[in-house]
Amino acid sequence: GKAIKVAGLKSTQSAIIDCEKKSRAFTFNNAETSASILRRIVIISGKTGTGDGGGILCAENTSGYGASPTIEFCTIASCSAPGDGNDGGGISCHKSSPTIKDCRIYFNSAKDKGGGIHCTDESSPTIERCTVLNNAAVDSGGGIYCSQESVATIRSCFIAYNTAAHDSGGGIFCNNNSDCLIQNCVIVRNNGTPYGGGIGMVMRVDVLHA
């Protein structure tokens, strides 16, 4: 729960964390605030044995308080949540509200939902100026998945070439009393089966200038 910043040493140089498919890189589960910062970190080859969030997990603590870290100028790539029912190959949020901005989220995968980013249980993430590219979910939400009364703000993002193999929302999927605000985004060449290649929605999605 302490406010700790982990950052690359220089404004033009990132620190690289190679998890070698042995574990995830970071877990925030003690009511961290926006003062807990990841900046200019490259996370590659994160993997969960069981559970969600191959690269980063944001979750509630035992008192039910979620985490709200700041994740900026980071790359999360080639991370996976490969177990049955596991979600969030790159980032998973449970009852948490991280700010994710100016990040690149590439080539991540989930056995179930949210190949790139997974949000559930009343999470309220802000995802801004991010590139969400070539992520895959076996179920729904290849790029971004939002469910269980979550509210996601997705602004000025490029979301492309993501895949939901066996359900909808190749780019973005919104379900189960959740809301998504999608503003000034480019959403192209995503694939969902059987429908919703770009956006799959069961609940309300507000799209502005996408």
Protein backbone atom coordinates (compact mmCIF):
# COMPACT_ATOMS: atom_id res chain seq x y z
CA GLY A 1 0.00 0.00 0.00
CA LYS A 2 2.99 2.35 0.08
CA ALA A 3 3.40 4.99 -2.63
CA ILE A 4 6.37 3.59 -4.56
CA LYS A 5 7.50 4.63 -8.04
CA VAL A 6 9.25 2.12 -10.30
CA ALA A 7 10.65 3.81 -13.40
CA GLY A 8 13.27 3.68 -16.11
CA LEU A 9 16.30 5.80 -15.26
CA LYS A 10 15.99 8.27 -18.10
CA SER A 11 13.12 9.87 -19.98
CA THR A 12 14.25 8.11 -23.16
CA GLN A 13 15.18 4.75 -21.65
CA SER A 14 12.92 2.03 -20.24
CA ALA A 15 13.72 -0.65 -17.68
CA ILE A 16 13.03 -4.18 -18.92
CA ILE A 17 11.48 -6.88 -16.76
CA ASP A 18 11.55 -10.31 -18.41
CA CYS A 19 9.40 -12.67 -16.35
CA GLU A 20 10.54 -15.65 -18.44
CA LYS A 21 6.99 -17.08 -18.26
CA LYS A 22 7.47 -17.90 -14.56
CA SER A 23 5.25 -15.27 -12.90
CA ARG A 24 3.51 -11.94 -13.40
CA ALA A 25 5.60 -8.78 -13.01
CA PHE A 26 3.49 -6.69 -10.59
CA THR A 27 0.59 -7.18 -8.19
CA PHE A 28 -1.26 -4.23 -6.65
CA ASN A 29 -3.64 -5.57 -4.00
CA ASN A 30 -3.23 -3.38 -0.93
CA ALA A 31 -5.34 -0.30 -1.78
CA GLU A 32 -2.54 1.45 -3.66
CA THR A 33 -3.41 4.94 -4.94
CA SER A 34 -2.36 6.88 -8.04
CA ALA A 35 0.85 7.75 -6.17
CA SER A 36 2.03 4.18 -6.84
CA ILE A 37 3.55 4.56 -10.29
CA LEU A 38 4.98 2.33 -12.99
CA ARG A 39 6.71 4.51 -15.59
CA ARG A 40 8.79 3.51 -18.62
CA ILE A 41 8.77 -0.20 -17.75
CA VAL A 42 8.83 -2.93 -20.40
CA ILE A 43 7.18 -6.10 -19.12
CA ILE A 44 7.61 -9.19 -21.27
CA SER A 45 6.74 -12.88 -20.92
CA GLY A 46 4.67 -12.59 -17.75
CA LYS A 47 2.54 -15.63 -17.01
CA THR A 48 0.15 -16.77 -14.31
CA GLY A 49 0.05 -20.34 -13.12
CA THR A 50 -3.46 -19.82 -11.79
CA GLY A 51 -5.39 -16.59 -11.54
CA ASP A 52 -5.73 -13.48 -13.68
CA GLY A 53 -3.30 -10.87 -14.95
CA GLY A 54 -0.32 -12.25 -16.80
CA GLY A 55 1.63 -8.99 -16.68
CA ILE A 56 -0.06 -6.89 -13.98
CA LEU A 57 -2.84 -7.63 -11.49
CA CYS A 58 -4.80 -4.88 -9.71
CA ALA A 59 -7.14 -6.33 -7.08
CA GLU A 60 -8.96 -5.59 -3.84
CA ASN A 61 -7.45 -6.28 -0.43
CA THR A 62 -9.06 -8.33 2.34
CA SER A 63 -11.13 -5.29 3.38
CA GLY A 64 -12.54 -4.93 -0.12
CA TYR A 65 -10.59 -1.83 -1.16
CA GLY A 66 -9.26 -1.89 -4.70
CA ALA A 67 -6.02 -0.55 -6.15
CA SER A 68 -5.64 2.53 -8.34
CA PRO A 69 -2.01 2.70 -9.51
CA THR A 70 -0.71 4.85 -12.35
CA ILE A 71 0.76 2.87 -15.25
CA GLU A 72 2.32 5.15 -17.86
CA PHE A 73 4.73 4.97 -20.79
CA CYS A 74 4.96 1.20 -20.28
CA THR A 75 4.99 -1.76 -22.66
CA ILE A 76 3.24 -4.99 -21.68
CA ALA A 77 3.98 -7.64 -24.27
CA SER A 78 3.80 -11.41 -24.74
CA CYS A 79 2.18 -11.99 -21.34
CA SER A 80 -0.44 -14.67 -20.76
CA ALA A 81 -3.12 -15.99 -18.42
CA PRO A 82 -3.24 -19.53 -19.83
CA GLY A 83 -5.19 -21.46 -17.17
CA ASP A 84 -8.82 -22.50 -17.56
CA GLY A 85 -11.03 -19.52 -16.75
CA ASN A 86 -8.10 -17.11 -16.45
CA ASP A 87 -8.56 -13.53 -17.67
CA GLY A 88 -6.39 -10.56 -18.53
CA GLY A 89 -3.31 -11.66 -20.41
CA GLY A 90 -1.69 -8.23 -20.10
CA ILE A 91 -3.50 -6.48 -17.23
CA SER A 92 -6.38 -7.62 -15.02
CA CYS A 93 -8.41 -5.29 -12.76
CA HIS A 94 -10.70 -6.53 -9.97
CA LYS A 95 -12.61 -3.80 -8.14
CA SER A 96 -9.75 -1.48 -9.08
CA SER A 97 -9.35 1.77 -10.98
CA PRO A 98 -5.88 2.11 -12.47
CA THR A 99 -4.90 4.91 -14.82
CA ILE A 100 -3.24 3.36 -17.86
CA LYS A 101 -1.86 5.95 -20.25
CA ASP A 102 0.64 6.17 -23.10
CA CYS A 103 1.19 2.41 -22.94
CA ARG A 104 1.69 -0.26 -25.57
CA ILE A 105 -0.12 -3.52 -24.95
CA TYR A 106 0.96 -6.11 -27.53
CA PHE A 107 0.68 -9.84 -28.19
CA ASN A 108 -0.90 -10.82 -24.87
CA SER A 109 -3.36 -13.70 -24.46
CA ALA A 110 -5.97 -15.06 -22.06
CA LYS A 111 -7.51 -18.52 -21.91
CA ASP A 112 -10.85 -16.87 -21.18
CA LYS A 113 -11.56 -13.11 -21.39
CA GLY A 114 -9.59 -9.92 -21.98
CA GLY A 115 -6.47 -10.73 -23.94
CA GLY A 116 -4.99 -7.26 -23.46
CA ILE A 117 -6.88 -5.68 -20.54
CA HIS A 118 -9.55 -7.27 -18.33
CA CYS A 119 -11.81 -5.20 -16.01
CA THR A 120 -14.39 -6.69 -13.66
CA ASP A 121 -16.10 -6.33 -10.26
CA GLU A 122 -16.88 -2.60 -10.33
CA SER A 123 -13.54 -1.53 -11.75
CA SER A 124 -13.23 1.95 -13.26
CA PRO A 125 -10.04 2.09 -15.30
CA THR A 126 -8.99 5.04 -17.42
CA ILE A 127 -7.19 3.89 -20.57
CA GLU A 128 -5.75 6.81 -22.49
CA ARG A 129 -3.46 7.20 -25.51
CA CYS A 130 -2.65 3.50 -25.54
CA THR A 131 -1.95 1.12 -28.39
CA VAL A 132 -3.74 -2.21 -27.89
CA LEU A 133 -2.50 -4.47 -30.65
CA ASN A 134 -2.50 -8.17 -31.56
CA ASN A 135 -3.96 -9.48 -28.31
CA ALA A 136 -6.15 -12.59 -28.15
CA ALA A 137 -8.81 -14.08 -25.89
CA VAL A 138 -10.26 -17.54 -26.33
CA ASP A 139 -13.64 -16.19 -25.21
CA SER A 140 -14.51 -12.48 -25.53
CA GLY A 141 -12.76 -9.12 -25.47
CA GLY A 142 -9.58 -9.76 -27.40
CA GLY A 143 -8.26 -6.26 -26.76
CA ILE A 144 -10.27 -4.97 -23.77
CA TYR A 145 -12.95 -6.70 -21.68
CA CYS A 146 -15.29 -4.87 -19.28
CA SER A 147 -17.83 -6.67 -17.05
CA GLN A 148 -19.63 -6.88 -13.69
CA GLU A 149 -20.70 -3.25 -13.19
CA SER A 150 -17.39 -1.80 -14.31
CA VAL A 151 -17.05 1.62 -15.95
CA ALA A 152 -14.18 1.99 -18.41
CA THR A 153 -13.06 5.24 -20.01
CA ILE A 154 -11.14 4.53 -23.22
CA ARG A 155 -9.79 7.68 -24.82
CA SER A 156 -7.51 8.41 -27.80
CA CYS A 157 -6.45 4.76 -28.19
CA PHE A 158 -5.46 2.70 -31.22
CA ILE A 159 -7.05 -0.76 -30.98
CA ALA A 160 -6.26 -3.13 -33.83
CA TYR A 161 -5.69 -6.75 -34.87
CA ASN A 162 -7.13 -8.19 -31.66
CA THR A 163 -9.10 -11.45 -31.65
CA ALA A 164 -11.92 -12.99 -29.63
CA ALA A 165 -11.79 -16.54 -30.92
CA HIS A 166 -15.06 -18.05 -29.66
CA ASP A 167 -17.22 -15.05 -28.76
CA SER A 168 -17.72 -11.36 -29.51
CA GLY A 169 -15.78 -8.14 -29.14
CA GLY A 170 -12.50 -8.62 -30.91
CA GLY A 171 -11.46 -5.08 -30.04
CA ILE A 172 -13.65 -4.27 -27.01
CA PHE A 173 -16.36 -6.21 -25.16
CA CYS A 174 -18.74 -4.67 -22.60
CA ASN A 175 -21.14 -6.87 -20.60
CA ASN A 176 -23.04 -7.42 -17.32
CA ASN A 177 -24.21 -3.95 -16.26
CA SER A 178 -20.97 -2.28 -17.33
CA ASP A 179 -20.51 0.99 -19.20
CA CYS A 180 -17.78 1.99 -21.62
CA LEU A 181 -17.03 5.50 -22.81
CA ILE A 182 -15.02 5.26 -26.01
CA GLN A 183 -13.78 8.63 -27.25
CA ASN A 184 -11.48 9.64 -30.11
CA CYS A 185 -10.28 6.08 -30.70
CA VAL A 186 -9.28 4.20 -33.85
CA ILE A 187 -10.67 0.64 -33.81
CA VAL A 188 -9.73 -1.35 -36.91
CA ARG A 189 -9.17 -4.89 -38.15
CA ASN A 190 -10.25 -6.70 -35.00
CA ASN A 191 -12.01 -10.05 -35.19
CA GLY A 192 -14.86 -11.43 -33.07
CA THR A 193 -16.74 -14.69 -33.57
CA PRO A 194 -19.62 -14.72 -34.30
CA TYR A 195 -20.13 -10.93 -34.07
CA GLY A 196 -18.72 -7.65 -32.81
CA GLY A 197 -15.35 -7.63 -34.52
CA GLY A 198 -14.65 -4.07 -33.36
CA ILE A 199 -16.99 -3.68 -30.39
CA GLY A 200 -19.27 -6.26 -28.78
CA MET A 201 -21.82 -4.87 -26.34
CA VAL A 202 -24.54 -6.28 -24.13
CA MET A 203 -24.90 -3.15 -21.98
CA ARG A 204 -24.41 0.57 -22.70
CA VAL A 205 -21.47 1.78 -24.73
CA ASP A 206 -21.06 5.48 -25.56
CA VAL A 207 -18.91 6.04 -28.64
CA LEU A 208 -17.71 9.57 -29.42
CA HIS A 209 -15.58 10.37 -32.48
CA ALA A 210 -14.25 6.83 -32.90
